[in-house]
Amino acid sequence: KSILPTCPCCGEFLVYEYRLREIPPEIPWFTIDPGGGLVEIAPFG
């Protein structure tokens, strides 16, 4: 994407989709919300 998506609630930039590339897909720390954005569902250890 050419620009960072922003949270519709708080306006913060959503960078989870970029961080997700560094995390193996089998680790269920992130989920894709209905809007297509990535939501953090667990804290980093």
C-alpha atoms as a PDB file:
ATOM      1  CA  LYS A   1       0.000   0.000   0.000  1.00  0.00           C
ATOM      2  CA  SER A   2       1.184   3.511  -0.730  1.00  0.00           C
ATOM      3  CA  ILE A   3      -0.118   4.910   2.560  1.00  0.00           C
ATOM      4  CA  LEU A   4      -0.586   3.596   6.071  1.00  0.00           C
ATOM      5  CA  PRO A   5      -4.206   2.848   6.958  1.00  0.00           C
ATOM      6  CA  THR A   6      -5.567   4.669   9.989  1.00  0.00           C
ATOM      7  CA  CYS A   7      -7.798   3.455  12.777  1.00  0.00           C
ATOM      8  CA  PRO A   8     -11.365   4.754  12.216  1.00  0.00           C
ATOM      9  CA  CYS A   9     -11.784   5.086  15.989  1.00  0.00           C
ATOM     10  CA  CYS A  10      -8.644   6.867  17.135  1.00  0.00           C
ATOM     11  CA  GLY A  11      -6.950   7.909  13.883  1.00  0.00           C
ATOM     12  CA  GLU A  12      -3.695   6.187  14.832  1.00  0.00           C
ATOM     13  CA  PHE A  13      -1.714   4.601  12.024  1.00  0.00           C
ATOM     14  CA  LEU A  14      -2.229   0.862  11.782  1.00  0.00           C
ATOM     15  CA  VAL A  15       1.151  -0.773  11.351  1.00  0.00           C
ATOM     16  CA  TYR A  16       0.166  -4.285  12.400  1.00  0.00           C
ATOM     17  CA  GLU A  17       0.035  -5.445   8.800  1.00  0.00           C
ATOM     18  CA  TYR A  18       3.674  -4.495   8.380  1.00  0.00           C
ATOM     19  CA  ARG A  19       4.774  -6.108  11.656  1.00  0.00           C
ATOM     20  CA  LEU A  20       2.820  -9.237  10.805  1.00  0.00           C
ATOM     21  CA  ARG A  21       5.279 -10.023   8.017  1.00  0.00           C
ATOM     22  CA  GLU A  22       7.895 -10.739  10.676  1.00  0.00           C
ATOM     23  CA  ILE A  23       5.680 -13.172  12.591  1.00  0.00           C
ATOM     24  CA  PRO A  24       5.145 -16.810  11.541  1.00  0.00           C
ATOM     25  CA  PRO A  25       1.502 -17.290  10.445  1.00  0.00           C
ATOM     26  CA  GLU A  26       1.010 -20.153  12.887  1.00  0.00           C
ATOM     27  CA  ILE A  27       1.355 -17.769  15.828  1.00  0.00           C
ATOM     28  CA  PRO A  28      -2.228 -16.567  16.512  1.00  0.00           C
ATOM     29  CA  TRP A  29      -1.288 -13.155  17.915  1.00  0.00           C
ATOM     30  CA  PHE A  30      -3.104 -11.268  15.186  1.00  0.00           C
ATOM     31  CA  THR A  31      -6.478 -11.552  13.521  1.00  0.00           C
ATOM     32  CA  ILE A  32      -8.010  -9.821  10.519  1.00  0.00           C
ATOM     33  CA  ASP A  33     -11.060  -7.773  11.449  1.00  0.00           C
ATOM     34  CA  PRO A  34     -14.186  -7.572   9.202  1.00  0.00           C
ATOM     35  CA  GLY A  35     -12.898  -4.302   7.754  1.00  0.00           C
ATOM     36  CA  GLY A  36      -9.750  -5.971   6.490  1.00  0.00           C
ATOM     37  CA  GLY A  37      -7.476  -4.421   9.106  1.00  0.00           C
ATOM     38  CA  LEU A  38      -5.225  -6.344  11.440  1.00  0.00           C
ATOM     39  CA  VAL A  39      -6.032  -6.366  15.130  1.00  0.00           C
ATOM     40  CA  GLU A  40      -3.605  -7.372  17.848  1.00  0.00           C
ATOM     41  CA  ILE A  41      -5.276 -10.044  19.978  1.00  0.00           C
ATOM     42  CA  ALA A  42      -2.407 -10.889  22.339  1.00  0.00           C
ATOM     43  CA  PRO A  43       0.533  -8.955  23.792  1.00  0.00           C
ATOM     44  CA  PHE A  44       4.094  -9.723  22.832  1.00  0.00           C
ATOM     45  CA  GLY A  45       5.823 -11.888  25.428  1.00  0.00           C
END
